[in-house]
C-alpha cells in the first residue's frame, strides 16, 4: 500500500476513541461515515483501487502510530461492511479477503474515459486496454494507471450504454472501440 506524508488526515484520526467502534447507534453511524470518508479519501489520494484486508488492517489507514491506536480486526470488518452497503467497495473473492475501492464509481470512470475518447478523436478507432491506462495519450488523465478490473467495469458500463464495443484483438490484447 502506498504511503505518503502529503495526505491530510481528518481530525478524527487523532482522536483516540475513533479507533474503537462506538456502541451508541447514533454515534456509531457518524463514526462509520467518518471512517468511510477517510478510506475513500485515502484511497483516492494514494490512487489505491483495491486492497487486501490483511494489508489494510496493518496499514497506516487503520493504525495511528502517533497515538499507538489501531482499529481492531472486527472494527475494520464493520467499516468494510458499511462501505459495502454504501456500494463504495466490492469484494473480489468468495473468501472476502480482497476488495475494490470505488473512490470513483465505474460509471463515473466510464464517462471520463468516453469524454477523453471523444475529445481526442478516438471514436470508431480500436484501442488496446493498455493504451487507455498506460499509453502516452493518457499520462495526464486521472484514469492513467487505472487497475484493469476497474477499467473493465467502466467499459462494461459504456458497452451497456452502446457507447463502446469490447474486442478481443488476439492473445492477451483486449481492446475497445468507442462509438
N, C-alpha and C. Protein backbone atom coordinates (compact mmCIF):
# COMPACT_ATOMS: atom_id res chain seq x y z
N UNK A 1 0.85 -1.16 0.00
CA UNK A 1 0.00 0.00 0.00
C UNK A 1 0.89 1.23 0.00
N UNK A 2 0.57 2.19 -0.82
CA UNK A 2 1.35 3.41 -0.91
C UNK A 2 1.20 4.23 0.37
N UNK A 3 2.27 4.90 0.74
CA UNK A 3 2.23 5.76 1.90
C UNK A 3 2.75 7.13 1.49
N UNK A 4 2.10 8.15 1.97
CA UNK A 4 2.56 9.49 1.64
C UNK A 4 2.32 10.41 2.81
N UNK A 5 3.28 11.29 3.06
CA UNK A 5 3.11 12.23 4.16
C UNK A 5 2.23 13.41 3.76
N UNK A 6 1.94 13.56 2.48
CA UNK A 6 1.15 14.68 2.00
C UNK A 6 -0.35 14.50 2.28
N UNK A 7 -0.77 13.31 2.63
CA UNK A 7 -2.19 13.09 2.89
C UNK A 7 -2.59 13.85 4.15
N UNK A 8 -3.71 14.56 4.07
CA UNK A 8 -4.21 15.31 5.23
C UNK A 8 -5.22 14.45 5.99
N UNK A 9 -4.80 13.98 7.13
CA UNK A 9 -5.66 13.14 7.96
C UNK A 9 -6.76 13.99 8.57
N UNK A 10 -7.98 13.45 8.67
CA UNK A 10 -9.06 14.21 9.32
C UNK A 10 -8.81 14.30 10.83
N UNK A 11 -9.47 15.24 11.46
CA UNK A 11 -9.25 15.44 12.90
C UNK A 11 -9.55 14.17 13.71
N UNK A 12 -10.51 13.37 13.25
CA UNK A 12 -10.89 12.16 13.99
C UNK A 12 -9.72 11.19 14.14
N UNK A 13 -8.81 11.21 13.16
CA UNK A 13 -7.69 10.27 13.16
C UNK A 13 -6.79 10.48 14.39
N UNK A 14 -6.80 11.69 14.93
CA UNK A 14 -6.00 11.99 16.13
C UNK A 14 -6.84 11.96 17.41
N UNK A 15 -8.03 11.40 17.33
CA UNK A 15 -8.94 11.30 18.47
C UNK A 15 -9.02 9.83 18.87
N UNK A 16 -8.39 9.44 19.99
CA UNK A 16 -8.29 8.01 20.34
C UNK A 16 -9.59 7.21 20.26
N UNK A 17 -10.75 7.74 20.72
CA UNK A 17 -11.97 6.93 20.63
C UNK A 17 -12.40 6.57 19.21
N UNK A 18 -11.86 7.27 18.22
CA UNK A 18 -12.17 6.96 16.82
C UNK A 18 -11.78 5.53 16.48
N UNK A 19 -10.78 4.99 17.18
CA UNK A 19 -10.26 3.66 16.89
C UNK A 19 -10.98 2.55 17.66
N UNK A 20 -12.09 2.90 18.30
CA UNK A 20 -12.96 1.93 18.96
C UNK A 20 -14.37 2.16 18.44
N UNK A 21 -14.95 1.15 17.81
CA UNK A 21 -16.31 1.30 17.28
C UNK A 21 -17.26 1.52 18.46
N UNK A 22 -18.00 2.61 18.38
CA UNK A 22 -18.88 3.01 19.48
C UNK A 22 -20.16 2.18 19.52
N UNK A 23 -20.74 2.06 20.69
CA UNK A 23 -21.95 1.25 20.87
C UNK A 23 -23.22 2.03 20.57
N UNK A 24 -23.25 3.30 20.92
CA UNK A 24 -24.43 4.13 20.67
C UNK A 24 -24.67 4.21 19.16
N UNK A 25 -25.87 3.83 18.72
CA UNK A 25 -26.16 3.74 17.28
C UNK A 25 -25.93 5.07 16.56
N UNK A 26 -26.36 6.17 17.15
CA UNK A 26 -26.20 7.47 16.52
C UNK A 26 -24.72 7.82 16.37
N UNK A 27 -23.96 7.61 17.44
CA UNK A 27 -22.52 7.88 17.42
C UNK A 27 -21.81 6.94 16.46
N UNK A 28 -22.20 5.67 16.49
CA UNK A 28 -21.59 4.67 15.62
C UNK A 28 -21.82 5.01 14.15
N UNK A 29 -23.02 5.46 13.82
CA UNK A 29 -23.33 5.82 12.44
C UNK A 29 -22.45 6.98 11.96
N UNK A 30 -22.30 7.99 12.81
CA UNK A 30 -21.43 9.13 12.46
C UNK A 30 -19.97 8.68 12.35
N UNK A 31 -19.58 7.78 13.24
CA UNK A 31 -18.22 7.27 13.21
C UNK A 31 -17.96 6.49 11.92
N UNK A 32 -18.91 5.64 11.53
CA UNK A 32 -18.74 4.86 10.30
C UNK A 32 -18.73 5.76 9.07
N UNK A 33 -19.53 6.83 9.08
CA UNK A 33 -19.48 7.80 7.99
C UNK A 33 -18.09 8.42 7.90
N UNK A 34 -17.51 8.76 9.06
CA UNK A 34 -16.17 9.36 9.08
C UNK A 34 -15.12 8.36 8.60
N UNK A 35 -15.24 7.09 9.01
CA UNK A 35 -14.31 6.06 8.54
C UNK A 35 -14.45 5.87 7.03
N UNK A 36 -15.68 5.85 6.55
CA UNK A 36 -15.91 5.68 5.11
C UNK A 36 -15.24 6.81 4.34
N UNK A 37 -15.45 8.04 4.78
CA UNK A 37 -14.84 9.20 4.10
C UNK A 37 -13.32 9.09 4.12
N UNK A 38 -12.77 8.68 5.28
CA UNK A 38 -11.33 8.52 5.41
C UNK A 38 -10.80 7.47 4.44
N UNK A 39 -11.43 6.31 4.39
CA UNK A 39 -10.98 5.24 3.50
C UNK A 39 -11.02 5.70 2.04
N UNK A 40 -12.11 6.33 1.64
CA UNK A 40 -12.25 6.79 0.25
C UNK A 40 -11.23 7.89 -0.07
N UNK A 41 -11.10 8.87 0.81
CA UNK A 41 -10.14 9.96 0.58
C UNK A 41 -8.71 9.44 0.53
N UNK A 42 -8.37 8.53 1.43
CA UNK A 42 -7.03 7.96 1.48
C UNK A 42 -6.74 7.18 0.20
N UNK A 43 -7.70 6.36 -0.22
CA UNK A 43 -7.53 5.57 -1.44
C UNK A 43 -7.38 6.48 -2.65
N UNK A 44 -8.18 7.52 -2.73
CA UNK A 44 -8.09 8.44 -3.87
C UNK A 44 -6.75 9.17 -3.86
N UNK A 45 -6.35 9.66 -2.71
CA UNK A 45 -5.08 10.39 -2.62
C UNK A 45 -3.90 9.52 -3.06
N UNK A 46 -3.94 8.25 -2.67
CA UNK A 46 -2.83 7.33 -2.97
C UNK A 46 -3.07 6.48 -4.21
N UNK A 47 -4.18 6.77 -4.93
CA UNK A 47 -4.55 6.01 -6.13
C UNK A 47 -4.55 4.51 -5.86
N UNK A 48 -5.26 4.13 -4.81
CA UNK A 48 -5.43 2.73 -4.45
C UNK A 48 -6.78 2.29 -4.97
N UNK A 49 -6.78 1.24 -5.78
CA UNK A 49 -8.01 0.75 -6.40
C UNK A 49 -8.52 -0.53 -5.75
N UNK A 50 -7.62 -1.27 -5.11
CA UNK A 50 -8.04 -2.49 -4.42
C UNK A 50 -7.08 -2.74 -3.26
N UNK A 51 -7.60 -3.45 -2.28
CA UNK A 51 -6.83 -3.75 -1.08
C UNK A 51 -7.11 -5.16 -0.60
N UNK A 52 -6.14 -5.72 0.05
CA UNK A 52 -6.27 -6.98 0.76
C UNK A 52 -6.59 -6.61 2.22
N UNK A 53 -7.53 -7.31 2.83
CA UNK A 53 -7.93 -6.98 4.20
C UNK A 53 -6.75 -7.05 5.16
N UNK A 54 -5.93 -8.08 5.04
CA UNK A 54 -4.78 -8.21 5.95
C UNK A 54 -3.84 -7.02 5.79
N UNK A 55 -3.62 -6.60 4.55
CA UNK A 55 -2.76 -5.45 4.28
C UNK A 55 -3.39 -4.18 4.86
N UNK A 56 -4.68 -4.01 4.65
CA UNK A 56 -5.38 -2.81 5.13
C UNK A 56 -5.35 -2.74 6.65
N UNK A 57 -5.57 -3.87 7.31
CA UNK A 57 -5.64 -3.91 8.77
C UNK A 57 -4.34 -3.45 9.41
N UNK A 58 -3.21 -3.73 8.77
CA UNK A 58 -1.92 -3.35 9.34
C UNK A 58 -1.38 -2.04 8.79
N UNK A 59 -2.09 -1.42 7.87
CA UNK A 59 -1.60 -0.19 7.25
C UNK A 59 -1.83 1.03 8.14
N UNK A 60 -1.22 2.15 7.75
CA UNK A 60 -1.40 3.39 8.50
C UNK A 60 -2.85 3.87 8.46
N UNK A 61 -3.61 3.39 7.50
CA UNK A 61 -5.01 3.78 7.39
C UNK A 61 -5.78 3.44 8.67
N UNK A 62 -5.54 2.27 9.21
CA UNK A 62 -6.26 1.82 10.40
C UNK A 62 -5.36 1.79 11.65
N UNK A 63 -4.15 2.33 11.54
CA UNK A 63 -3.20 2.33 12.65
C UNK A 63 -2.59 3.72 12.80
N UNK A 64 -2.85 4.36 13.90
CA UNK A 64 -2.23 5.65 14.18
C UNK A 64 -1.08 5.40 15.14
N UNK A 65 0.13 5.36 14.60
CA UNK A 65 1.29 5.05 15.43
C UNK A 65 1.58 6.16 16.43
N UNK A 66 1.27 7.39 16.06
CA UNK A 66 1.50 8.52 16.97
C UNK A 66 0.68 8.34 18.25
N UNK A 67 -0.55 7.85 18.12
CA UNK A 67 -1.41 7.62 19.28
C UNK A 67 -1.24 6.22 19.87
N UNK A 68 -0.52 5.37 19.13
CA UNK A 68 -0.41 3.96 19.48
C UNK A 68 -1.80 3.33 19.57
N UNK A 69 -2.63 3.65 18.57
CA UNK A 69 -4.00 3.13 18.50
C UNK A 69 -4.23 2.52 17.12
N UNK A 70 -5.01 1.46 17.10
CA UNK A 70 -5.40 0.87 15.83
C UNK A 70 -6.82 0.37 15.94
N UNK A 71 -7.49 0.33 14.79
CA UNK A 71 -8.84 -0.23 14.74
C UNK A 71 -8.72 -1.75 14.75
N UNK A 72 -9.48 -2.41 15.59
CA UNK A 72 -9.41 -3.87 15.69
C UNK A 72 -9.85 -4.51 14.38
N UNK A 73 -9.54 -5.78 14.23
CA UNK A 73 -9.97 -6.52 13.04
C UNK A 73 -11.49 -6.49 12.91
N UNK A 74 -12.21 -6.66 14.03
CA UNK A 74 -13.67 -6.56 13.99
C UNK A 74 -14.11 -5.16 13.57
N UNK A 75 -13.40 -4.15 14.05
CA UNK A 75 -13.71 -2.78 13.67
C UNK A 75 -13.50 -2.55 12.19
N UNK A 76 -12.39 -3.06 11.65
CA UNK A 76 -12.13 -2.94 10.21
C UNK A 76 -13.24 -3.63 9.43
N UNK A 77 -13.64 -4.82 9.87
CA UNK A 77 -14.73 -5.53 9.20
C UNK A 77 -16.04 -4.75 9.25
N UNK A 78 -16.31 -4.09 10.36
CA UNK A 78 -17.51 -3.26 10.49
C UNK A 78 -17.46 -2.10 9.50
N UNK A 79 -16.31 -1.46 9.39
CA UNK A 79 -16.14 -0.36 8.42
C UNK A 79 -16.33 -0.88 7.00
N UNK A 80 -15.76 -2.04 6.70
CA UNK A 80 -15.89 -2.60 5.35
C UNK A 80 -17.34 -2.98 5.04
N UNK A 81 -18.05 -3.51 6.01
CA UNK A 81 -19.47 -3.82 5.80
C UNK A 81 -20.25 -2.54 5.48
N UNK A 82 -19.94 -1.48 6.19
CA UNK A 82 -20.59 -0.19 5.96
C UNK A 82 -20.28 0.30 4.54
N UNK A 83 -19.01 0.23 4.16
CA UNK A 83 -18.61 0.65 2.81
C UNK A 83 -19.29 -0.20 1.74
N UNK A 84 -19.42 -1.49 2.00
CA UNK A 84 -20.09 -2.38 1.05
C UNK A 84 -21.57 -2.02 0.92
N UNK A 85 -22.23 -1.73 2.03
CA UNK A 85 -23.64 -1.33 2.00
C UNK A 85 -23.83 -0.06 1.19
N UNK A 86 -22.86 0.85 1.27
CA UNK A 86 -22.92 2.12 0.54
C UNK A 86 -22.42 1.98 -0.90
N UNK A 87 -22.05 0.75 -1.28
CA UNK A 87 -21.54 0.44 -2.62
C UNK A 87 -20.25 1.21 -2.95
N UNK A 88 -19.43 1.40 -1.91
CA UNK A 88 -18.15 2.07 -2.08
C UNK A 88 -16.99 1.08 -2.19
N UNK A 89 -17.26 -0.17 -1.83
CA UNK A 89 -16.30 -1.25 -2.07
C UNK A 89 -17.06 -2.44 -2.61
N UNK A 90 -16.30 -3.36 -3.20
CA UNK A 90 -16.87 -4.61 -3.70
C UNK A 90 -15.82 -5.69 -3.50
N UNK A 91 -16.20 -6.74 -2.79
CA UNK A 91 -15.27 -7.84 -2.57
C UNK A 91 -15.03 -8.57 -3.89
N UNK A 92 -13.79 -8.98 -4.11
CA UNK A 92 -13.41 -9.58 -5.39
C UNK A 92 -13.27 -11.09 -5.32
N UNK A 93 -13.39 -11.65 -4.12
CA UNK A 93 -13.24 -13.10 -3.98
C UNK A 93 -14.29 -13.63 -3.01
N UNK A 94 -14.55 -14.93 -3.11
CA UNK A 94 -15.55 -15.56 -2.25
C UNK A 94 -15.15 -15.54 -0.77
N UNK A 95 -13.85 -15.55 -0.51
CA UNK A 95 -13.38 -15.52 0.87
C UNK A 95 -13.44 -14.14 1.50
N UNK A 96 -13.80 -13.15 0.69
CA UNK A 96 -13.93 -11.77 1.14
C UNK A 96 -12.64 -11.27 1.79
N UNK A 97 -11.52 -11.55 1.12
CA UNK A 97 -10.22 -11.11 1.64
C UNK A 97 -9.66 -9.94 0.85
N UNK A 98 -10.23 -9.66 -0.32
CA UNK A 98 -9.74 -8.59 -1.18
C UNK A 98 -10.95 -7.82 -1.72
N UNK A 99 -10.77 -6.51 -1.89
CA UNK A 99 -11.89 -5.70 -2.35
C UNK A 99 -11.42 -4.54 -3.22
N UNK A 100 -12.30 -4.12 -4.12
CA UNK A 100 -12.10 -2.90 -4.91
C UNK A 100 -12.63 -1.74 -4.10
N UNK A 101 -11.96 -0.61 -4.20
CA UNK A 101 -12.42 0.62 -3.55
C UNK A 101 -12.89 1.56 -4.66
N UNK A 102 -14.12 1.99 -4.56
CA UNK A 102 -14.69 2.87 -5.58
C UNK A 102 -14.69 4.31 -5.12
N UNK A 103 -13.50 4.94 -5.16
CA UNK A 103 -13.47 6.37 -4.87
C UNK A 103 -14.04 7.14 -6.05
N UNK A 104 -14.15 6.47 -7.17
CA UNK A 104 -15.00 6.89 -8.29
C UNK A 104 -15.74 5.64 -8.73
N UNK A 105 -17.04 5.76 -8.89
CA UNK A 105 -17.83 4.61 -9.33
C UNK A 105 -17.46 4.27 -10.77
N UNK A 106 -17.64 3.01 -11.17
CA UNK A 106 -17.32 2.62 -12.55
C UNK A 106 -18.03 3.47 -13.60
N UNK A 107 -19.27 3.89 -13.35
CA UNK A 107 -19.97 4.73 -14.33
C UNK A 107 -19.33 6.11 -14.46
N UNK A 108 -18.73 6.61 -13.38
CA UNK A 108 -18.03 7.90 -13.44
C UNK A 108 -16.74 7.74 -14.25
N UNK A 109 -15.99 6.66 -13.98
CA UNK A 109 -14.80 6.37 -14.79
C UNK A 109 -15.20 6.24 -16.26
N UNK A 110 -16.31 5.56 -16.51
CA UNK A 110 -16.78 5.35 -17.88
C UNK A 110 -16.99 6.68 -18.58
N UNK A 111 -17.67 7.60 -17.93
CA UNK A 111 -17.92 8.91 -18.54
C UNK A 111 -16.63 9.68 -18.79
N UNK A 112 -15.69 9.60 -17.87
CA UNK A 112 -14.41 10.28 -18.05
C UNK A 112 -13.64 9.70 -19.23
N UNK A 113 -13.61 8.38 -19.32
CA UNK A 113 -12.90 7.72 -20.42
C UNK A 113 -13.56 8.03 -21.75
N UNK A 114 -14.87 7.98 -21.78
CA UNK A 114 -15.58 8.28 -23.03
C UNK A 114 -15.35 9.73 -23.45
N UNK A 115 -15.40 10.64 -22.51
CA UNK A 115 -15.15 12.06 -22.81
C UNK A 115 -13.75 12.24 -23.39
N UNK A 116 -12.77 11.54 -22.82
CA UNK A 116 -11.40 11.59 -23.34
C UNK A 116 -11.36 11.06 -24.77
N UNK A 117 -12.04 9.96 -25.03
CA UNK A 117 -12.06 9.38 -26.38
C UNK A 117 -12.68 10.35 -27.37
N UNK A 118 -13.75 11.02 -26.99
CA UNK A 118 -14.40 11.99 -27.88
C UNK A 118 -13.46 13.17 -28.13
N UNK A 119 -12.90 13.73 -27.06
CA UNK A 119 -12.03 14.91 -27.18
C UNK A 119 -10.77 14.63 -27.98
N UNK A 120 -10.33 13.38 -28.01
CA UNK A 120 -9.10 13.03 -28.72
C UNK A 120 -9.35 12.29 -30.03
N UNK A 121 -10.59 12.36 -30.51
CA UNK A 121 -10.98 11.79 -31.80
C UNK A 121 -10.68 10.30 -31.90
N UNK A 122 -10.99 9.56 -30.84
CA UNK A 122 -10.80 8.12 -30.84
C UNK A 122 -12.09 7.35 -31.08
N UNK A 123 -13.15 8.03 -31.48
CA UNK A 123 -14.39 7.31 -31.80
C UNK A 123 -14.15 6.44 -33.03
N UNK A 124 -14.66 5.22 -33.00
CA UNK A 124 -14.52 4.24 -34.09
C UNK A 124 -13.07 3.85 -34.36
N UNK A 125 -12.20 4.06 -33.39
CA UNK A 125 -10.80 3.67 -33.50
C UNK A 125 -10.51 2.61 -32.45
N UNK A 126 -10.11 1.41 -32.85
CA UNK A 126 -9.79 0.39 -31.85
C UNK A 126 -8.58 0.81 -31.00
N UNK A 127 -8.72 0.66 -29.71
CA UNK A 127 -7.64 0.95 -28.77
C UNK A 127 -7.44 -0.26 -27.87
N UNK A 128 -6.20 -0.53 -27.51
CA UNK A 128 -5.97 -1.60 -26.53
C UNK A 128 -6.25 -1.05 -25.14
N UNK A 129 -6.51 -1.94 -24.22
CA UNK A 129 -6.72 -1.51 -22.84
C UNK A 129 -5.45 -0.87 -22.29
N UNK A 130 -4.31 -1.38 -22.74
CA UNK A 130 -3.03 -0.80 -22.32
C UNK A 130 -2.93 0.66 -22.75
N UNK A 131 -3.34 0.95 -23.98
CA UNK A 131 -3.27 2.34 -24.46
C UNK A 131 -4.11 3.27 -23.60
N UNK A 132 -5.24 2.77 -23.12
CA UNK A 132 -6.13 3.61 -22.32
C UNK A 132 -5.54 3.89 -20.94
N UNK A 133 -4.96 2.90 -20.31
CA UNK A 133 -4.48 3.10 -18.94
C UNK A 133 -2.98 3.34 -18.81
N UNK A 134 -2.22 3.07 -19.86
CA UNK A 134 -0.77 3.24 -19.76
C UNK A 134 -0.16 3.97 -20.96
N UNK A 135 -0.98 4.38 -21.90
CA UNK A 135 -0.47 5.00 -23.11
C UNK A 135 -0.02 6.44 -22.92
N UNK A 136 0.77 6.89 -23.88
CA UNK A 136 1.26 8.27 -23.85
C UNK A 136 0.13 9.29 -23.91
N UNK A 137 -0.97 8.93 -24.55
CA UNK A 137 -2.10 9.86 -24.69
C UNK A 137 -2.88 10.05 -23.39
N UNK A 138 -2.63 9.22 -22.39
CA UNK A 138 -3.41 9.33 -21.15
C UNK A 138 -2.58 9.71 -19.94
N UNK A 139 -1.32 10.07 -20.12
CA UNK A 139 -0.46 10.34 -18.96
C UNK A 139 -1.01 11.45 -18.06
N UNK A 140 -1.75 12.38 -18.61
CA UNK A 140 -2.31 13.47 -17.81
C UNK A 140 -3.75 13.23 -17.39
N UNK A 141 -4.26 12.04 -17.66
CA UNK A 141 -5.65 11.72 -17.32
C UNK A 141 -5.71 11.02 -15.96
N UNK A 142 -6.79 11.24 -15.24
CA UNK A 142 -6.93 10.63 -13.91
C UNK A 142 -7.07 9.11 -13.99
N UNK A 143 -7.44 8.59 -15.16
CA UNK A 143 -7.58 7.13 -15.29
C UNK A 143 -6.29 6.47 -15.75
N UNK A 144 -5.20 7.24 -15.92
CA UNK A 144 -3.91 6.65 -16.25
C UNK A 144 -3.49 5.76 -15.07
N UNK A 145 -3.09 4.54 -15.35
CA UNK A 145 -2.73 3.51 -14.36
C UNK A 145 -3.94 2.94 -13.62
N UNK A 146 -5.13 3.15 -14.14
CA UNK A 146 -6.33 2.56 -13.54
C UNK A 146 -6.20 1.04 -13.56
N UNK A 147 -6.55 0.40 -12.47
CA UNK A 147 -6.49 -1.06 -12.40
C UNK A 147 -7.39 -1.69 -13.46
N UNK A 148 -6.93 -2.77 -14.04
CA UNK A 148 -7.64 -3.42 -15.15
C UNK A 148 -9.09 -3.78 -14.79
N UNK A 149 -9.30 -4.33 -13.60
CA UNK A 149 -10.66 -4.75 -13.22
C UNK A 149 -11.62 -3.56 -13.16
N UNK A 150 -11.13 -2.44 -12.67
CA UNK A 150 -11.97 -1.23 -12.60
C UNK A 150 -12.22 -0.72 -14.02
N UNK A 151 -11.18 -0.74 -14.86
CA UNK A 151 -11.34 -0.34 -16.26
C UNK A 151 -12.40 -1.19 -16.94
N UNK A 152 -12.36 -2.50 -16.72
CA UNK A 152 -13.34 -3.38 -17.36
C UNK A 152 -14.76 -3.08 -16.88
N UNK A 153 -14.92 -2.76 -15.61
CA UNK A 153 -16.25 -2.38 -15.11
C UNK A 153 -16.72 -1.09 -15.79
N UNK A 154 -15.81 -0.14 -15.97
CA UNK A 154 -16.15 1.12 -16.63
C UNK A 154 -16.53 0.88 -18.08
N UNK A 155 -15.73 0.07 -18.77
CA UNK A 155 -16.01 -0.20 -20.18
C UNK A 155 -17.30 -1.01 -20.34
N UNK A 156 -17.60 -1.86 -19.38
CA UNK A 156 -18.88 -2.60 -19.42
C UNK A 156 -20.05 -1.63 -19.31
N UNK A 157 -19.90 -0.59 -18.49
CA UNK A 157 -20.95 0.45 -18.40
C UNK A 157 -21.15 1.09 -19.77
N UNK A 158 -20.05 1.42 -20.44
CA UNK A 158 -20.15 2.05 -21.77
C UNK A 158 -20.75 1.08 -22.78
N UNK A 159 -20.41 -0.19 -22.66
CA UNK A 159 -20.96 -1.19 -23.57
C UNK A 159 -22.48 -1.31 -23.37
N UNK A 160 -22.92 -1.30 -22.13
CA UNK A 160 -24.36 -1.35 -21.84
C UNK A 160 -25.09 -0.13 -22.42
N UNK A 161 -24.40 1.00 -22.44
CA UNK A 161 -24.98 2.24 -22.99
C UNK A 161 -24.81 2.33 -24.51
N UNK A 162 -24.22 1.30 -25.09
CA UNK A 162 -23.93 1.24 -26.52
C UNK A 162 -23.01 2.37 -26.99
N UNK A 163 -22.08 2.75 -26.10
CA UNK A 163 -21.10 3.77 -26.45
C UNK A 163 -19.71 3.16 -26.64
N UNK A 164 -19.61 1.84 -26.46
CA UNK A 164 -18.33 1.15 -26.65
C UNK A 164 -18.58 -0.30 -27.00
N UNK A 165 -17.62 -0.88 -27.72
CA UNK A 165 -17.65 -2.30 -28.04
C UNK A 165 -16.33 -2.90 -27.59
N UNK A 166 -16.42 -3.88 -26.68
CA UNK A 166 -15.22 -4.57 -26.24
C UNK A 166 -14.79 -5.55 -27.32
N UNK A 167 -13.48 -5.69 -27.51
CA UNK A 167 -12.96 -6.55 -28.58
C UNK A 167 -11.81 -7.39 -28.04
N UNK A 168 -11.67 -8.58 -28.61
CA UNK A 168 -10.50 -9.40 -28.35
C UNK A 168 -9.63 -9.28 -29.59
N UNK A 169 -8.51 -8.58 -29.45
CA UNK A 169 -7.65 -8.30 -30.59
C UNK A 169 -6.73 -9.48 -30.89
N UNK A 170 -6.62 -10.40 -29.95
CA UNK A 170 -5.78 -11.57 -30.14
C UNK A 170 -4.80 -11.71 -29.00
N UNK A 171 -4.64 -12.92 -28.54
CA UNK A 171 -3.74 -13.17 -27.41
C UNK A 171 -4.23 -12.46 -26.17
N UNK A 172 -3.31 -11.80 -25.50
CA UNK A 172 -3.65 -11.06 -24.28
C UNK A 172 -4.12 -9.64 -24.58
N UNK A 173 -4.15 -9.29 -25.86
CA UNK A 173 -4.52 -7.94 -26.24
C UNK A 173 -6.03 -7.79 -26.35
N UNK A 174 -6.59 -7.18 -25.34
CA UNK A 174 -8.00 -6.85 -25.39
C UNK A 174 -8.10 -5.38 -25.74
N UNK A 175 -9.21 -5.05 -26.37
CA UNK A 175 -9.36 -3.66 -26.77
C UNK A 175 -10.79 -3.21 -26.70
N UNK A 176 -10.98 -1.99 -27.14
CA UNK A 176 -12.30 -1.38 -27.13
C UNK A 176 -12.39 -0.41 -28.31
N UNK A 177 -13.59 -0.29 -28.81
CA UNK A 177 -13.86 0.72 -29.83
C UNK A 177 -14.99 1.57 -29.30
N UNK A 178 -14.75 2.87 -29.20
CA UNK A 178 -15.78 3.79 -28.72
C UNK A 178 -16.63 4.21 -29.90
N UNK A 179 -17.94 4.21 -29.71
CA UNK A 179 -18.87 4.56 -30.80
C UNK A 179 -19.78 5.70 -30.38
